[in-house]
Amino acid sequence: MNTLHYNMKVVDTFLDDIMALGYGTFDEHLVQVTEILKRLLAAGMQVNAGKCKWFHHAVTYLGFIITRDGIKPQPKKIQGILNKNAEGSPTFCRHGQFLSGSLSQAH
């Protein structure tokens, strides 16, 4: 898949997922999307229209939310980490007690 789009800076691929990043004007993005679709067609590949998302301002991709403002992790993907290490949780308390004991013995 990467070889189909090797010289296109606006394309990111992972296995069979393709993401066309919209840089420039909307018309320029249409030209880029058209080029991607032409290359797929020339390679004998098909696009599943039901799985496509067209012209969104934010997309979820590989566990991240990507917008024109940047990339951040999906909240549901990191919620377990945030909850598990929250102050007052058993894990946090045990680590805190261990560190407190280790530090007090060092003095």
C-alpha atoms as a PDB file:
ATOM      1  CA  MET A   1       0.000   0.000   0.000  1.00  0.00           C
ATOM      2  CA  ASN A   2       2.816   2.414   0.823  1.00  0.00           C
ATOM      3  CA  THR A   3       4.313   2.006  -2.656  1.00  0.00           C
ATOM      4  CA  LEU A   4       1.107   3.307  -4.247  1.00  0.00           C
ATOM      5  CA  HIS A   5       1.482   6.609  -2.432  1.00  0.00           C
ATOM      6  CA  TYR A   6       5.255   6.783  -1.962  1.00  0.00           C
ATOM      7  CA  ASN A   7       5.637  10.356  -3.238  1.00  0.00           C
ATOM      8  CA  MET A   8       2.477  11.860  -1.785  1.00  0.00           C
ATOM      9  CA  LYS A   9       3.154  13.812   1.414  1.00  0.00           C
ATOM     10  CA  VAL A  10      -0.556  14.153   2.156  1.00  0.00           C
ATOM     11  CA  VAL A  11      -1.170  10.408   2.499  1.00  0.00           C
ATOM     12  CA  ASP A  12      -0.709   8.171   5.520  1.00  0.00           C
ATOM     13  CA  THR A  13      -1.289   4.444   5.206  1.00  0.00           C
ATOM     14  CA  PHE A  14      -1.427   1.622   7.730  1.00  0.00           C
ATOM     15  CA  LEU A  15      -2.140  -1.859   6.384  1.00  0.00           C
ATOM     16  CA  ASP A  16      -5.331  -1.286   4.371  1.00  0.00           C
ATOM     17  CA  ASP A  17      -6.238   2.096   5.878  1.00  0.00           C
ATOM     18  CA  ILE A  18      -5.537   5.249   3.906  1.00  0.00           C
ATOM     19  CA  MET A  19      -5.794   8.759   5.302  1.00  0.00           C
ATOM     20  CA  ALA A  20      -5.522  11.783   3.041  1.00  0.00           C
ATOM     21  CA  LEU A  21      -4.579  14.846   5.031  1.00  0.00           C
ATOM     22  CA  GLY A  22      -6.133  18.074   3.822  1.00  0.00           C
ATOM     23  CA  TYR A  23      -3.435  20.671   3.332  1.00  0.00           C
ATOM     24  CA  GLY A  24      -4.078  23.805   1.312  1.00  0.00           C
ATOM     25  CA  THR A  25      -7.439  24.706  -0.144  1.00  0.00           C
ATOM     26  CA  PHE A  26     -10.448  22.452  -0.525  1.00  0.00           C
ATOM     27  CA  ASP A  27      -9.873  22.336  -4.298  1.00  0.00           C
ATOM     28  CA  GLU A  28      -6.265  21.236  -3.774  1.00  0.00           C
ATOM     29  CA  HIS A  29      -7.491  18.505  -1.423  1.00  0.00           C
ATOM     30  CA  LEU A  30      -9.958  17.314  -4.080  1.00  0.00           C
ATOM     31  CA  VAL A  31      -7.072  17.000  -6.543  1.00  0.00           C
ATOM     32  CA  GLN A  32      -5.105  14.969  -3.965  1.00  0.00           C
ATOM     33  CA  VAL A  33      -8.036  12.652  -3.211  1.00  0.00           C
ATOM     34  CA  THR A  34      -8.644  12.176  -6.945  1.00  0.00           C
ATOM     35  CA  GLU A  35      -4.988  11.199  -7.424  1.00  0.00           C
ATOM     36  CA  ILE A  36      -5.219   8.669  -4.586  1.00  0.00           C
ATOM     37  CA  LEU A  37      -8.335   7.094  -6.071  1.00  0.00           C
ATOM     38  CA  LYS A  38      -6.746   6.966  -9.545  1.00  0.00           C
ATOM     39  CA  ARG A  39      -3.705   5.152  -8.150  1.00  0.00           C
ATOM     40  CA  LEU A  40      -5.891   2.645  -6.316  1.00  0.00           C
ATOM     41  CA  LEU A  41      -7.901   2.001  -9.474  1.00  0.00           C
ATOM     42  CA  ALA A  42      -4.739   1.571 -11.560  1.00  0.00           C
ATOM     43  CA  ALA A  43      -3.502  -1.022  -9.040  1.00  0.00           C
ATOM     44  CA  GLY A  44      -6.778  -2.938  -9.305  1.00  0.00           C
ATOM     45  CA  MET A  45      -7.836  -2.063  -5.762  1.00  0.00           C
ATOM     46  CA  GLN A  46     -11.300  -1.122  -4.547  1.00  0.00           C
ATOM     47  CA  VAL A  47     -12.559   1.293  -1.925  1.00  0.00           C
ATOM     48  CA  ASN A  48     -15.291   0.216   0.478  1.00  0.00           C
ATOM     49  CA  ALA A  49     -17.509   3.304   0.378  1.00  0.00           C
ATOM     50  CA  GLY A  50     -19.284   2.266   3.578  1.00  0.00           C
ATOM     51  CA  LYS A  51     -16.025   2.508   5.533  1.00  0.00           C
ATOM     52  CA  CYS A  52     -14.944   5.827   4.035  1.00  0.00           C
ATOM     53  CA  LYS A  53     -15.163   9.162   5.783  1.00  0.00           C
ATOM     54  CA  TRP A  54     -14.926  12.141   3.490  1.00  0.00           C
ATOM     55  CA  PHE A  55     -13.945  15.712   4.340  1.00  0.00           C
ATOM     56  CA  HIS A  56     -14.051  15.587   8.138  1.00  0.00           C
ATOM     57  CA  HIS A  57     -12.402  18.151  10.396  1.00  0.00           C
ATOM     58  CA  ALA A  58     -11.480  15.438  12.916  1.00  0.00           C
ATOM     59  CA  VAL A  59     -10.904  11.713  12.461  1.00  0.00           C
ATOM     60  CA  THR A  60     -10.099   8.821  14.755  1.00  0.00           C
ATOM     61  CA  TYR A  61      -7.136   6.899  13.375  1.00  0.00           C
ATOM     62  CA  LEU A  62      -5.097   4.175  15.087  1.00  0.00           C
ATOM     63  CA  GLY A  63      -6.233   5.225  18.568  1.00  0.00           C
ATOM     64  CA  PHE A  64      -5.679   8.944  18.046  1.00  0.00           C
ATOM     65  CA  ILE A  65      -7.904  11.898  17.245  1.00  0.00           C
ATOM     66  CA  ILE A  66      -6.394  13.916  14.425  1.00  0.00           C
ATOM     67  CA  THR A  67      -7.490  17.480  13.742  1.00  0.00           C
ATOM     68  CA  ARG A  68      -5.923  20.479  12.086  1.00  0.00           C
ATOM     69  CA  ASP A  69      -4.884  21.563  15.611  1.00  0.00           C
ATOM     70  CA  GLY A  70      -2.832  18.412  16.162  1.00  0.00           C
ATOM     71  CA  ILE A  71      -2.946  14.829  17.362  1.00  0.00           C
ATOM     72  CA  LYS A  72      -4.141  13.592  20.750  1.00  0.00           C
ATOM     73  CA  PRO A  73      -4.918  10.144  22.142  1.00  0.00           C
ATOM     74  CA  GLN A  74      -8.500   8.952  22.222  1.00  0.00           C
ATOM     75  CA  PRO A  75      -9.808   9.480  25.758  1.00  0.00           C
ATOM     76  CA  LYS A  76     -11.240   5.944  25.933  1.00  0.00           C
ATOM     77  CA  LYS A  77      -7.805   4.521  25.089  1.00  0.00           C
ATOM     78  CA  ILE A  78      -6.078   6.229  28.018  1.00  0.00           C
ATOM     79  CA  GLN A  79      -8.936   6.222  30.538  1.00  0.00           C
ATOM     80  CA  GLY A  80      -7.707   3.018  32.184  1.00  0.00           C
ATOM     81  CA  ILE A  81      -4.268   4.507  32.708  1.00  0.00           C
ATOM     82  CA  LEU A  82      -5.701   7.722  34.110  1.00  0.00           C
ATOM     83  CA  ASN A  83      -8.058   5.863  36.443  1.00  0.00           C
ATOM     84  CA  LYS A  84      -5.503   3.298  37.564  1.00  0.00           C
ATOM     85  CA  ASN A  85      -2.851   5.842  38.494  1.00  0.00           C
ATOM     86  CA  ALA A  86      -5.172   8.425  39.999  1.00  0.00           C
ATOM     87  CA  GLU A  87      -4.167   9.629  43.427  1.00  0.00           C
ATOM     88  CA  GLY A  88      -5.945   7.573  46.044  1.00  0.00           C
ATOM     89  CA  SER A  89      -6.033   4.407  43.965  1.00  0.00           C
ATOM     90  CA  PRO A  90      -4.452   1.323  45.571  1.00  0.00           C
ATOM     91  CA  THR A  91      -1.658   1.286  42.975  1.00  0.00           C
ATOM     92  CA  PHE A  92      -0.768   4.918  43.553  1.00  0.00           C
ATOM     93  CA  CYS A  93      -0.894   4.496  47.344  1.00  0.00           C
ATOM     94  CA  ARG A  94       1.361   1.431  47.307  1.00  0.00           C
ATOM     95  CA  HIS A  95       3.922   3.146  45.092  1.00  0.00           C
ATOM     96  CA  GLY A  96       3.721   6.269  47.216  1.00  0.00           C
ATOM     97  CA  GLN A  97       4.227   4.286  50.405  1.00  0.00           C
ATOM     98  CA  PHE A  98       7.151   2.391  48.881  1.00  0.00           C
ATOM     99  CA  LEU A  99       8.809   5.608  47.741  1.00  0.00           C
ATOM    100  CA  SER A 100       8.184   7.308  51.074  1.00  0.00           C
ATOM    101  CA  GLY A 101       9.697   4.366  52.935  1.00  0.00           C
ATOM    102  CA  SER A 102      12.698   4.184  50.596  1.00  0.00           C
ATOM    103  CA  LEU A 103      13.354   7.890  50.824  1.00  0.00           C
ATOM    104  CA  SER A 104      13.052   8.010  54.608  1.00  0.00           C
ATOM    105  CA  GLN A 105      15.528   5.120  54.967  1.00  0.00           C
ATOM    106  CA  ALA A 106      18.016   6.916  52.707  1.00  0.00           C
ATOM    107  CA  HIS A 107      18.380   9.817  55.150  1.00  0.00           C
END
